[in-house]
N, C-alpha and C. Protein backbone atom coordinates (compact mmCIF):
# COMPACT_ATOMS: atom_id res chain seq x y z
N MET A 1 39.74 17.11 -47.60
CA MET A 1 40.32 17.66 -46.17
C MET A 1 39.16 18.54 -45.61
N ARG A 2 38.39 19.23 -46.58
CA ARG A 2 37.36 20.17 -46.15
C ARG A 2 36.31 19.28 -45.54
N ASN A 3 35.83 18.16 -45.93
CA ASN A 3 34.72 17.15 -45.54
C ASN A 3 35.20 16.62 -44.22
N THR A 4 36.47 16.46 -44.01
CA THR A 4 36.98 15.73 -42.91
C THR A 4 36.84 16.78 -41.68
N ALA A 5 37.21 18.20 -42.11
CA ALA A 5 37.15 19.24 -41.00
C ALA A 5 35.65 19.25 -40.55
N ARG A 6 34.77 19.24 -41.45
CA ARG A 6 33.28 19.51 -41.26
C ARG A 6 32.72 18.29 -40.34
N TRP A 7 33.08 17.02 -40.66
CA TRP A 7 32.84 15.88 -40.16
C TRP A 7 33.38 15.88 -38.57
N ALA A 8 34.58 16.34 -38.42
CA ALA A 8 35.29 16.43 -37.04
C ALA A 8 34.48 17.49 -36.23
N ALA A 9 34.15 18.62 -36.85
CA ALA A 9 33.33 19.52 -35.96
C ALA A 9 32.08 19.26 -35.72
N THR A 10 31.32 18.65 -36.51
CA THR A 10 30.19 18.03 -36.32
C THR A 10 30.12 17.03 -35.25
N LEU A 11 31.01 16.22 -35.17
CA LEU A 11 31.21 14.89 -34.11
C LEU A 11 31.44 15.73 -32.82
N ALA A 12 32.27 16.66 -32.93
CA ALA A 12 32.56 17.40 -31.56
C ALA A 12 31.42 18.14 -30.93
N LEU A 13 30.77 18.85 -31.86
CA LEU A 13 29.63 19.47 -31.50
C LEU A 13 28.41 18.52 -30.83
N THR A 14 28.26 17.36 -31.58
CA THR A 14 27.25 16.39 -31.18
C THR A 14 27.79 15.80 -29.68
N ALA A 15 28.85 15.61 -29.67
CA ALA A 15 29.37 14.86 -28.50
C ALA A 15 29.21 15.95 -27.19
N THR A 16 29.46 17.19 -27.57
CA THR A 16 29.28 18.23 -26.36
C THR A 16 27.84 18.36 -26.09
N ALA A 17 27.00 18.31 -27.11
CA ALA A 17 25.53 18.53 -26.92
C ALA A 17 24.96 17.33 -26.09
N VAL A 18 25.45 16.07 -26.37
CA VAL A 18 24.91 14.86 -25.72
C VAL A 18 25.63 14.75 -24.44
N CYS A 19 26.75 14.91 -24.47
CA CYS A 19 27.62 14.40 -23.09
C CYS A 19 27.65 15.64 -22.12
N GLY A 20 27.49 16.96 -22.60
CA GLY A 20 27.92 18.07 -21.71
C GLY A 20 26.82 18.20 -20.50
N PRO A 21 25.55 18.04 -20.79
CA PRO A 21 24.47 18.05 -19.73
C PRO A 21 24.83 16.81 -18.74
N LEU A 22 25.24 15.66 -19.22
CA LEU A 22 25.30 14.72 -18.37
C LEU A 22 26.50 14.92 -17.31
N THR A 23 27.68 15.46 -17.80
CA THR A 23 28.73 15.77 -16.95
C THR A 23 28.38 16.89 -15.85
N GLY A 24 27.80 17.82 -16.46
CA GLY A 24 27.41 19.13 -15.59
C GLY A 24 26.47 18.74 -14.40
N SER A 25 25.48 17.85 -14.74
CA SER A 25 24.48 17.46 -13.69
C SER A 25 25.11 16.54 -12.70
N ALA A 26 25.99 15.63 -13.20
CA ALA A 26 26.72 14.73 -12.35
C ALA A 26 27.61 15.54 -11.25
N LEU A 27 28.07 16.72 -11.67
CA LEU A 27 29.12 17.44 -10.83
C LEU A 27 28.12 18.22 -9.81
N ALA A 28 27.04 18.60 -10.39
CA ALA A 28 26.28 19.58 -9.57
C ALA A 28 25.33 18.71 -8.46
N ALA A 29 25.19 17.48 -8.77
CA ALA A 29 24.21 16.82 -7.85
C ALA A 29 24.80 16.53 -6.52
N PRO A 30 24.11 16.60 -5.45
CA PRO A 30 24.71 16.30 -4.23
C PRO A 30 24.45 14.67 -3.95
N ASP A 31 25.00 14.10 -2.86
CA ASP A 31 24.69 12.75 -2.61
C ASP A 31 23.22 12.53 -2.51
N PRO A 32 22.62 11.51 -3.13
CA PRO A 32 21.30 11.24 -3.14
C PRO A 32 20.82 10.91 -1.71
N ALA A 33 19.71 11.38 -1.32
CA ALA A 33 19.03 11.31 -0.07
C ALA A 33 18.22 9.88 -0.27
N PRO A 34 17.89 9.17 0.94
CA PRO A 34 17.22 8.08 0.89
C PRO A 34 15.79 8.32 0.31
N ALA A 35 15.30 7.25 -0.48
CA ALA A 35 13.94 7.40 -1.09
C ALA A 35 12.99 7.72 -0.07
N SER A 36 12.87 7.10 1.17
CA SER A 36 11.92 7.36 2.01
C SER A 36 12.48 7.20 3.58
N LEU A 37 12.08 8.13 4.40
CA LEU A 37 12.44 7.84 5.75
C LEU A 37 11.40 6.77 6.61
N TYR A 38 10.55 6.49 5.89
CA TYR A 38 9.53 5.63 6.35
C TYR A 38 9.60 4.10 5.90
N ALA A 39 9.35 3.15 6.59
CA ALA A 39 9.23 1.96 5.84
C ALA A 39 7.84 1.63 5.30
N PRO A 40 7.61 1.11 4.25
CA PRO A 40 6.30 1.42 3.70
C PRO A 40 5.23 0.44 4.32
N SER A 41 4.06 1.09 4.14
CA SER A 41 2.92 0.39 4.80
C SER A 41 1.80 0.57 3.96
N ALA A 42 1.56 -0.26 2.88
CA ALA A 42 0.39 -0.04 2.03
C ALA A 42 -0.38 -1.37 1.89
N LEU A 43 -1.59 -1.46 2.01
CA LEU A 43 -2.54 -2.57 2.27
C LEU A 43 -3.59 -2.55 1.10
N VAL A 44 -3.99 -3.61 0.64
CA VAL A 44 -5.27 -3.75 -0.02
C VAL A 44 -6.26 -4.72 0.76
N LEU A 45 -7.27 -4.06 1.23
CA LEU A 45 -8.30 -5.02 1.76
C LEU A 45 -9.48 -5.28 0.91
N THR A 46 -10.10 -6.60 1.00
CA THR A 46 -11.12 -7.00 0.17
C THR A 46 -12.41 -7.67 1.14
N LEU A 47 -13.43 -7.56 0.61
CA LEU A 47 -14.39 -8.18 1.30
C LEU A 47 -15.38 -9.05 0.40
N ALA A 48 -15.60 -10.46 0.75
CA ALA A 48 -16.36 -11.24 -0.22
C ALA A 48 -17.31 -11.90 0.61
N HIS A 49 -18.27 -12.55 0.07
CA HIS A 49 -19.43 -13.23 0.71
C HIS A 49 -19.05 -14.76 0.51
N GLY A 50 -18.65 -15.41 1.58
CA GLY A 50 -18.48 -16.78 1.39
C GLY A 50 -17.36 -17.18 2.47
N ASP A 51 -16.66 -18.34 2.55
CA ASP A 51 -15.73 -18.75 3.43
C ASP A 51 -14.54 -19.21 2.98
N ASP A 52 -14.36 -19.31 1.63
CA ASP A 52 -13.05 -19.60 0.94
C ASP A 52 -12.54 -18.66 -0.08
N ALA A 53 -11.35 -18.12 0.17
CA ALA A 53 -10.86 -17.18 -0.64
C ALA A 53 -10.62 -17.51 -2.16
N THR A 54 -10.41 -18.75 -2.29
CA THR A 54 -10.24 -19.25 -3.69
C THR A 54 -11.47 -19.46 -4.47
N MET A 55 -12.69 -19.59 -3.65
CA MET A 55 -13.97 -19.86 -4.31
C MET A 55 -14.92 -18.45 -4.40
N THR A 56 -14.36 -17.41 -3.83
CA THR A 56 -15.15 -16.31 -3.73
C THR A 56 -14.55 -15.11 -4.52
N THR A 57 -15.37 -14.23 -4.94
CA THR A 57 -15.04 -12.95 -5.64
C THR A 57 -15.27 -11.68 -4.86
N PRO A 58 -14.14 -10.97 -4.67
CA PRO A 58 -14.48 -9.88 -3.62
C PRO A 58 -15.56 -8.93 -4.36
N VAL A 59 -16.44 -8.40 -3.39
CA VAL A 59 -17.46 -7.42 -3.75
C VAL A 59 -17.10 -6.05 -3.48
N ARG A 60 -15.97 -5.93 -2.68
CA ARG A 60 -15.48 -4.59 -2.39
C ARG A 60 -13.87 -4.61 -1.96
N ALA A 61 -13.18 -3.60 -2.42
CA ALA A 61 -11.90 -3.40 -2.17
C ALA A 61 -11.53 -2.03 -1.68
N VAL A 62 -10.57 -1.89 -0.86
CA VAL A 62 -10.01 -0.65 -0.55
C VAL A 62 -8.62 -0.65 -0.28
N THR A 63 -7.89 0.46 -0.57
CA THR A 63 -6.50 0.63 -0.16
C THR A 63 -6.23 1.58 1.05
N LEU A 64 -5.18 0.97 1.72
CA LEU A 64 -4.74 1.73 3.08
C LEU A 64 -3.26 1.94 2.96
N SER A 65 -2.77 3.22 3.02
CA SER A 65 -1.57 3.41 3.27
C SER A 65 -1.19 4.17 4.50
N CYS A 66 -0.37 3.72 5.24
CA CYS A 66 -0.12 4.38 6.63
C CYS A 66 1.25 5.08 6.81
N ALA A 67 2.04 5.23 5.88
CA ALA A 67 3.29 5.86 5.97
C ALA A 67 3.53 6.73 4.72
N PRO A 68 4.07 7.83 4.87
CA PRO A 68 4.21 8.68 6.00
C PRO A 68 2.82 9.19 6.72
N THR A 69 1.82 9.27 5.90
CA THR A 69 0.42 9.80 6.43
C THR A 69 -0.45 8.76 5.99
N SER A 70 -1.68 8.70 6.75
CA SER A 70 -2.75 8.00 6.41
C SER A 70 -3.59 8.46 5.09
N SER A 71 -3.69 7.44 4.20
CA SER A 71 -4.32 7.78 2.86
C SER A 71 -4.88 6.38 2.43
N GLY A 72 -5.53 6.65 1.23
CA GLY A 72 -6.08 5.57 0.45
C GLY A 72 -7.51 5.69 0.29
N THR A 73 -8.11 4.66 -0.20
CA THR A 73 -9.55 4.79 -0.50
C THR A 73 -10.40 4.22 0.70
N HIS A 74 -9.83 3.82 1.79
CA HIS A 74 -10.44 3.34 2.86
C HIS A 74 -11.34 4.51 3.39
N PRO A 75 -12.44 4.30 3.86
CA PRO A 75 -13.28 5.50 4.42
C PRO A 75 -12.84 6.11 5.59
N ASP A 76 -11.94 5.60 6.58
CA ASP A 76 -11.45 6.13 7.74
C ASP A 76 -10.03 5.61 7.76
N ALA A 77 -9.22 5.99 7.02
CA ALA A 77 -7.82 5.75 6.84
C ALA A 77 -7.11 6.00 8.18
N ALA A 78 -7.39 7.12 8.84
CA ALA A 78 -6.51 7.53 9.91
C ALA A 78 -6.89 6.67 11.13
N SER A 79 -8.03 6.46 11.24
CA SER A 79 -8.53 5.49 12.43
C SER A 79 -7.86 4.02 12.21
N ALA A 80 -7.96 3.51 10.96
CA ALA A 80 -7.72 2.23 10.73
C ALA A 80 -5.99 2.30 10.90
N CYS A 81 -5.32 3.16 10.47
CA CYS A 81 -3.96 3.00 10.64
C CYS A 81 -3.57 3.20 12.05
N GLY A 82 -4.32 3.99 12.87
CA GLY A 82 -3.95 4.13 14.21
C GLY A 82 -4.14 2.67 14.93
N GLU A 83 -5.23 2.10 14.50
CA GLU A 83 -5.64 0.79 15.15
C GLU A 83 -4.54 -0.20 15.01
N LEU A 84 -3.98 -0.23 13.60
CA LEU A 84 -2.85 -1.12 13.25
C LEU A 84 -1.58 -0.77 13.93
N ARG A 85 -1.35 0.50 14.03
CA ARG A 85 -0.18 0.90 14.92
C ARG A 85 -0.25 0.38 16.44
N SER A 86 -1.39 0.65 16.95
CA SER A 86 -1.56 0.21 18.28
C SER A 86 -1.37 -1.21 18.57
N VAL A 87 -1.58 -2.16 17.64
CA VAL A 87 -1.40 -3.61 17.89
C VAL A 87 -0.14 -4.02 17.02
N GLY A 88 0.69 -3.13 16.73
CA GLY A 88 1.91 -3.45 15.97
C GLY A 88 1.59 -4.14 14.64
N GLY A 89 0.43 -4.10 13.89
CA GLY A 89 0.29 -4.69 12.73
C GLY A 89 -0.16 -6.20 12.89
N ASN A 90 -0.61 -6.54 14.19
CA ASN A 90 -1.17 -7.91 14.38
C ASN A 90 -2.56 -7.83 14.21
N PHE A 91 -3.12 -8.39 13.22
CA PHE A 91 -4.51 -8.30 12.83
C PHE A 91 -5.27 -9.13 13.83
N ASP A 92 -4.64 -10.32 14.44
CA ASP A 92 -5.37 -11.02 15.38
C ASP A 92 -5.61 -10.33 16.61
N ALA A 93 -4.75 -9.40 16.89
CA ALA A 93 -4.92 -8.72 18.26
C ALA A 93 -6.09 -7.67 18.17
N LEU A 94 -6.66 -7.38 17.12
CA LEU A 94 -7.76 -6.38 17.01
C LEU A 94 -9.01 -7.25 17.75
N GLY A 95 -9.68 -6.73 18.71
CA GLY A 95 -10.82 -7.36 19.13
C GLY A 95 -12.14 -6.86 18.82
N SER A 96 -13.14 -7.43 19.18
CA SER A 96 -14.55 -7.03 18.98
C SER A 96 -14.95 -6.04 20.08
N ARG A 97 -15.72 -5.13 19.65
CA ARG A 97 -16.34 -4.29 20.57
C ARG A 97 -17.30 -4.96 21.60
N ASP A 98 -17.27 -4.39 22.88
CA ASP A 98 -18.10 -4.83 23.84
C ASP A 98 -19.63 -4.31 23.60
N GLY A 99 -20.60 -5.22 23.88
CA GLY A 99 -22.10 -4.79 23.73
C GLY A 99 -22.74 -4.75 22.48
N VAL A 100 -22.10 -5.44 21.49
CA VAL A 100 -22.61 -5.56 20.14
C VAL A 100 -23.47 -7.03 20.13
N LEU A 101 -24.68 -6.92 19.85
CA LEU A 101 -25.40 -8.17 19.86
C LEU A 101 -25.62 -8.47 18.22
N CYS A 102 -25.32 -9.72 18.02
CA CYS A 102 -25.61 -10.12 16.55
C CYS A 102 -26.35 -11.52 16.61
N THR A 103 -27.07 -11.71 15.43
CA THR A 103 -27.79 -12.95 15.18
C THR A 103 -26.88 -14.12 15.27
N LYS A 104 -27.20 -15.26 15.27
CA LYS A 104 -26.38 -16.46 14.93
C LYS A 104 -26.44 -16.95 13.51
N GLN A 105 -27.05 -16.22 12.65
CA GLN A 105 -27.29 -16.59 11.33
C GLN A 105 -25.87 -16.72 10.74
N TYR A 106 -25.72 -17.88 9.92
CA TYR A 106 -24.52 -18.10 9.29
C TYR A 106 -24.55 -17.62 7.84
N ASP A 107 -23.85 -16.44 7.54
CA ASP A 107 -23.96 -15.99 6.23
C ASP A 107 -22.49 -15.37 6.14
N PRO A 108 -21.49 -16.32 5.78
CA PRO A 108 -20.01 -15.86 6.02
C PRO A 108 -19.50 -14.66 5.18
N VAL A 109 -18.68 -13.96 5.80
CA VAL A 109 -18.18 -12.74 5.11
C VAL A 109 -16.67 -12.84 5.25
N LEU A 110 -15.92 -12.91 4.27
CA LEU A 110 -14.34 -13.23 4.37
C LEU A 110 -13.72 -11.72 3.95
N VAL A 111 -12.80 -11.43 4.91
CA VAL A 111 -12.02 -10.28 4.66
C VAL A 111 -10.65 -10.64 4.48
N THR A 112 -9.91 -10.15 3.50
CA THR A 112 -8.50 -10.50 3.27
C THR A 112 -7.70 -9.13 3.16
N VAL A 113 -6.61 -9.11 3.73
CA VAL A 113 -5.63 -8.02 3.81
C VAL A 113 -4.24 -8.53 3.21
N ASP A 114 -3.79 -7.96 2.11
CA ASP A 114 -2.54 -8.24 1.34
C ASP A 114 -1.71 -6.88 1.22
N GLY A 115 -0.48 -7.03 1.32
CA GLY A 115 0.43 -5.74 1.02
C GLY A 115 1.69 -5.83 1.87
N VAL A 116 2.24 -4.77 2.41
CA VAL A 116 3.32 -4.45 3.18
C VAL A 116 2.94 -3.72 4.65
N TRP A 117 3.42 -4.15 5.60
CA TRP A 117 3.31 -3.27 6.81
C TRP A 117 4.64 -3.03 7.39
N GLN A 118 4.99 -1.90 7.41
CA GLN A 118 6.28 -1.49 8.04
C GLN A 118 7.35 -2.18 7.31
N GLY A 119 7.45 -2.38 6.00
CA GLY A 119 8.44 -3.05 5.41
C GLY A 119 8.36 -4.45 5.28
N GLN A 120 7.36 -5.17 6.02
CA GLN A 120 7.09 -6.64 5.80
C GLN A 120 5.97 -7.07 5.18
N ARG A 121 6.08 -8.07 4.37
CA ARG A 121 5.02 -8.52 3.57
C ARG A 121 3.96 -9.01 4.45
N VAL A 122 2.62 -8.87 4.36
CA VAL A 122 1.60 -9.46 4.91
C VAL A 122 0.60 -9.98 4.27
N SER A 123 0.00 -11.07 4.52
CA SER A 123 -1.18 -11.58 3.99
C SER A 123 -2.15 -12.21 4.99
N TYR A 124 -3.43 -11.84 5.15
CA TYR A 124 -4.14 -12.06 6.28
C TYR A 124 -5.55 -12.39 5.68
N GLN A 125 -6.25 -13.34 6.16
CA GLN A 125 -7.66 -13.56 6.02
C GLN A 125 -8.57 -13.98 7.11
N ARG A 126 -9.82 -13.44 7.24
CA ARG A 126 -10.51 -13.85 8.36
C ARG A 126 -11.94 -14.00 7.84
N THR A 127 -12.57 -15.14 8.36
CA THR A 127 -14.02 -15.29 7.77
C THR A 127 -14.95 -15.07 9.13
N PHE A 128 -15.94 -14.10 8.90
CA PHE A 128 -16.76 -13.82 10.10
C PHE A 128 -18.11 -14.33 9.74
N ALA A 129 -18.84 -14.55 10.79
CA ALA A 129 -20.12 -15.62 10.59
C ALA A 129 -21.04 -14.73 9.89
N ASN A 130 -21.08 -13.42 10.09
CA ASN A 130 -21.94 -12.48 9.20
C ASN A 130 -21.54 -11.14 9.26
N GLU A 131 -22.18 -10.39 8.72
CA GLU A 131 -21.92 -8.85 8.44
C GLU A 131 -21.92 -8.22 9.64
N CYS A 132 -22.81 -8.60 10.71
CA CYS A 132 -22.79 -7.93 12.02
C CYS A 132 -21.40 -8.22 12.71
N VAL A 133 -21.26 -9.50 12.69
CA VAL A 133 -19.94 -9.93 13.41
C VAL A 133 -18.80 -9.19 13.02
N LYS A 134 -18.66 -9.04 11.46
CA LYS A 134 -17.61 -8.34 10.99
C LYS A 134 -17.47 -6.81 11.51
N SER A 135 -18.58 -6.35 11.52
CA SER A 135 -18.71 -4.89 11.83
C SER A 135 -18.33 -4.78 13.34
N SER A 136 -18.53 -5.71 14.13
CA SER A 136 -18.10 -5.47 15.64
C SER A 136 -16.73 -5.75 15.78
N TYR A 137 -16.08 -6.25 14.83
CA TYR A 137 -14.61 -6.62 15.02
C TYR A 137 -13.66 -5.60 14.51
N GLY A 138 -12.69 -5.13 15.51
CA GLY A 138 -11.95 -4.08 15.06
C GLY A 138 -12.58 -2.77 14.76
N THR A 139 -12.56 -1.75 15.50
CA THR A 139 -13.55 -0.64 15.39
C THR A 139 -13.64 0.10 13.89
N SER A 140 -12.62 0.19 13.20
CA SER A 140 -12.67 0.77 11.90
C SER A 140 -11.99 0.07 10.78
N LEU A 141 -10.92 -0.89 11.06
CA LEU A 141 -10.13 -1.31 10.03
C LEU A 141 -11.07 -2.07 8.98
N PHE A 142 -11.91 -2.84 9.47
CA PHE A 142 -12.72 -3.70 8.63
C PHE A 142 -14.20 -3.00 8.19
N ALA A 143 -14.20 -1.70 8.43
CA ALA A 143 -15.49 -1.02 8.20
C ALA A 143 -15.25 -0.32 6.80
N PHE A 144 -15.52 -1.03 5.91
CA PHE A 144 -15.52 -0.58 4.46
C PHE A 144 -16.59 -1.22 3.58
């Protein structure tokens, strides 16, 4: 009888110790807030020499996050996010700057963009004739 009482007391104390914090926190916690008020916008941009993404190895890569604030390893994340917002995430709508003169040398540069823009999956690639042409396209997004 003595062992049964000791065993029952041990079981009751263990149950209280394990389950007590769970019930207290469940009663005290308010309704959970949404994880984020912003649709995710996080991109990985890569640069490679060549014109086929399956045959080239990236030589540079940067990250760009635009929600809720501009961040990442992109050298000018704020400007790059501003450009993307101004064209609604349409990479083809980014134009080249006027007055930039480049040679006609063909030394292809491939830029890829993969990730999420305002909650939607995006995958984009563009081949530029050379580094000069790439630098003239889109004022800061591809400048990394």
